């Protein structure tokens, strides 16, 4: 049997912060329908954004599941996995204001 160690507090806090954007899923779904309103839009880019907006909570959940699975063997990688959504959100928030 695999030795199940308790997760660190930092890892749990980062996990909660990384899954937090899933709260906005209903709003993102609603907004994704308006991507197709512009007749001059690049359909490939719009289609990609549409698919990403519909699947992003599943990507976050899969990411979190993998991080929890590998935590006991590769702690640094698990911490990096739960940090990348936070870094991306921070990048978008900073780029909007500057």
C-alpha atoms as a PDB file:
ATOM      1  CA  UNK A   1       0.000   0.000   0.000  1.00  0.00           C
ATOM      2  CA  UNK A   2       1.004   3.518  -0.702  1.00  0.00           C
ATOM      3  CA  UNK A   3       2.018   5.680   2.242  1.00  0.00           C
ATOM      4  CA  UNK A   4      -0.644   8.400   2.487  1.00  0.00           C
ATOM      5  CA  UNK A   5       0.857  11.466   4.072  1.00  0.00           C
ATOM      6  CA  UNK A   6      -1.163  14.500   4.997  1.00  0.00           C
ATOM      7  CA  UNK A   7      -1.005  17.359   2.567  1.00  0.00           C
ATOM      8  CA  UNK A   8       0.639  20.577   3.682  1.00  0.00           C
ATOM      9  CA  UNK A   9      -1.470  23.615   4.487  1.00  0.00           C
ATOM     10  CA  UNK A  10       0.218  25.570   1.685  1.00  0.00           C
ATOM     11  CA  UNK A  11      -0.677  22.877  -0.837  1.00  0.00           C
ATOM     12  CA  UNK A  12      -4.315  22.843   0.291  1.00  0.00           C
ATOM     13  CA  UNK A  13      -4.595  26.637   0.138  1.00  0.00           C
ATOM     14  CA  UNK A  14      -3.046  26.698  -3.338  1.00  0.00           C
ATOM     15  CA  UNK A  15      -5.421  23.938  -4.405  1.00  0.00           C
ATOM     16  CA  UNK A  16      -8.432  25.951  -3.287  1.00  0.00           C
ATOM     17  CA  UNK A  17      -7.122  29.062  -5.035  1.00  0.00           C
ATOM     18  CA  UNK A  18      -6.468  27.152  -8.254  1.00  0.00           C
ATOM     19  CA  UNK A  19     -10.009  25.738  -8.433  1.00  0.00           C
ATOM     20  CA  UNK A  20     -11.656  29.034  -7.425  1.00  0.00           C
ATOM     21  CA  UNK A  21     -12.122  30.286 -11.035  1.00  0.00           C
ATOM     22  CA  UNK A  22     -14.616  27.485 -11.583  1.00  0.00           C
ATOM     23  CA  UNK A  23     -17.110  29.595  -9.616  1.00  0.00           C
ATOM     24  CA  UNK A  24     -17.412  31.856 -12.657  1.00  0.00           C
ATOM     25  CA  UNK A  25     -18.286  28.955 -14.972  1.00  0.00           C
ATOM     26  CA  UNK A  26     -21.970  29.919 -15.484  1.00  0.00           C
ATOM     27  CA  UNK A  27     -20.983  33.474 -16.395  1.00  0.00           C
ATOM     28  CA  UNK A  28     -18.303  32.256 -18.816  1.00  0.00           C
ATOM     29  CA  UNK A  29     -20.760  29.855 -20.454  1.00  0.00           C
ATOM     30  CA  UNK A  30     -23.239  32.687 -20.930  1.00  0.00           C
ATOM     31  CA  UNK A  31     -20.581  35.013 -22.340  1.00  0.00           C
ATOM     32  CA  UNK A  32     -19.247  32.347 -24.709  1.00  0.00           C
ATOM     33  CA  UNK A  33     -22.392  32.529 -26.819  1.00  0.00           C
ATOM     34  CA  UNK A  34     -21.556  36.119 -27.724  1.00  0.00           C
ATOM     35  CA  UNK A  35     -18.191  35.168 -29.222  1.00  0.00           C
ATOM     36  CA  UNK A  36     -19.900  34.454 -32.535  1.00  0.00           C
ATOM     37  CA  UNK A  37     -21.573  37.882 -32.831  1.00  0.00           C
ATOM     38  CA  UNK A  38     -18.747  39.593 -34.713  1.00  0.00           C
ATOM     39  CA  UNK A  39     -19.065  38.807 -38.442  1.00  0.00           C
ATOM     40  CA  UNK A  40     -15.396  39.734 -39.043  1.00  0.00           C
ATOM     41  CA  UNK A  41     -13.986  37.502 -36.309  1.00  0.00           C
ATOM     42  CA  UNK A  42     -11.483  34.757 -36.976  1.00  0.00           C
ATOM     43  CA  UNK A  43     -13.628  31.609 -36.728  1.00  0.00           C
ATOM     44  CA  UNK A  44     -10.694  29.397 -35.761  1.00  0.00           C
ATOM     45  CA  UNK A  45      -9.807  31.629 -32.820  1.00  0.00           C
ATOM     46  CA  UNK A  46     -13.452  32.025 -31.809  1.00  0.00           C
ATOM     47  CA  UNK A  47     -13.962  28.257 -31.950  1.00  0.00           C
ATOM     48  CA  UNK A  48     -10.859  27.680 -29.831  1.00  0.00           C
ATOM     49  CA  UNK A  49     -12.000  30.241 -27.251  1.00  0.00           C
ATOM     50  CA  UNK A  50     -15.465  28.684 -27.228  1.00  0.00           C
ATOM     51  CA  UNK A  51     -14.097  25.196 -26.561  1.00  0.00           C
ATOM     52  CA  UNK A  52     -11.693  26.466 -23.895  1.00  0.00           C
ATOM     53  CA  UNK A  53     -14.422  28.413 -22.151  1.00  0.00           C
ATOM     54  CA  UNK A  54     -16.651  25.336 -22.001  1.00  0.00           C
ATOM     55  CA  UNK A  55     -13.918  22.987 -20.803  1.00  0.00           C
ATOM     56  CA  UNK A  56     -11.793  25.080 -18.459  1.00  0.00           C
ATOM     57  CA  UNK A  57     -13.329  23.763 -15.194  1.00  0.00           C
ATOM     58  CA  UNK A  58     -12.630  20.211 -16.320  1.00  0.00           C
ATOM     59  CA  UNK A  59      -9.033  21.167 -17.091  1.00  0.00           C
ATOM     60  CA  UNK A  60      -8.712  22.680 -13.617  1.00  0.00           C
ATOM     61  CA  UNK A  61     -10.257  19.618 -11.954  1.00  0.00           C
ATOM     62  CA  UNK A  62      -8.023  17.235 -13.899  1.00  0.00           C
ATOM     63  CA  UNK A  63      -5.004  19.359 -12.995  1.00  0.00           C
ATOM     64  CA  UNK A  64      -5.965  19.251  -9.315  1.00  0.00           C
ATOM     65  CA  UNK A  65      -6.576  15.501  -9.439  1.00  0.00           C
ATOM     66  CA  UNK A  66      -3.120  14.888 -10.940  1.00  0.00           C
ATOM     67  CA  UNK A  67      -1.509  17.173  -8.352  1.00  0.00           C
ATOM     68  CA  UNK A  68      -3.144  15.249  -5.498  1.00  0.00           C
ATOM     69  CA  UNK A  69      -2.108  11.914  -7.022  1.00  0.00           C
ATOM     70  CA  UNK A  70       1.565  12.810  -7.370  1.00  0.00           C
ATOM     71  CA  UNK A  71       1.903  14.835  -4.155  1.00  0.00           C
ATOM     72  CA  UNK A  72       3.445  11.992  -2.136  1.00  0.00           C
ATOM     73  CA  UNK A  73       6.161  11.275  -4.697  1.00  0.00           C
ATOM     74  CA  UNK A  74       6.841  14.637  -6.378  1.00  0.00           C
ATOM     75  CA  UNK A  75       5.905  17.516  -4.100  1.00  0.00           C
ATOM     76  CA  UNK A  76       7.534  20.284  -6.153  1.00  0.00           C
ATOM     77  CA  UNK A  77       5.741  19.203  -9.307  1.00  0.00           C
ATOM     78  CA  UNK A  78       2.442  18.987  -7.424  1.00  0.00           C
ATOM     79  CA  UNK A  79       2.926  22.518  -6.123  1.00  0.00           C
ATOM     80  CA  UNK A  80       3.720  23.747  -9.630  1.00  0.00           C
ATOM     81  CA  UNK A  81       0.602  22.076 -10.985  1.00  0.00           C
ATOM     82  CA  UNK A  82      -1.659  23.860  -8.539  1.00  0.00           C
ATOM     83  CA  UNK A  83       0.160  27.172  -9.079  1.00  0.00           C
ATOM     84  CA  UNK A  84      -0.121  27.554 -12.858  1.00  0.00           C
ATOM     85  CA  UNK A  85      -3.824  28.533 -12.862  1.00  0.00           C
ATOM     86  CA  UNK A  86      -3.106  31.141 -10.197  1.00  0.00           C
ATOM     87  CA  UNK A  87      -0.190  32.545 -12.201  1.00  0.00           C
ATOM     88  CA  UNK A  88      -2.281  32.762 -15.381  1.00  0.00           C
ATOM     89  CA  UNK A  89      -5.111  34.550 -13.578  1.00  0.00           C
ATOM     90  CA  UNK A  90      -2.656  36.980 -11.993  1.00  0.00           C
ATOM     91  CA  UNK A  91      -1.094  37.641 -15.413  1.00  0.00           C
ATOM     92  CA  UNK A  92      -4.485  38.454 -16.945  1.00  0.00           C
ATOM     93  CA  UNK A  93      -5.463  40.690 -14.031  1.00  0.00           C
ATOM     94  CA  UNK A  94      -2.174  42.591 -14.211  1.00  0.00           C
ATOM     95  CA  UNK A  95      -2.287  42.905 -18.002  1.00  0.00           C
ATOM     96  CA  UNK A  96      -5.796  44.371 -17.858  1.00  0.00           C
ATOM     97  CA  UNK A  97      -4.734  47.139 -15.505  1.00  0.00           C
ATOM     98  CA  UNK A  98      -1.394  48.015 -17.161  1.00  0.00           C
END
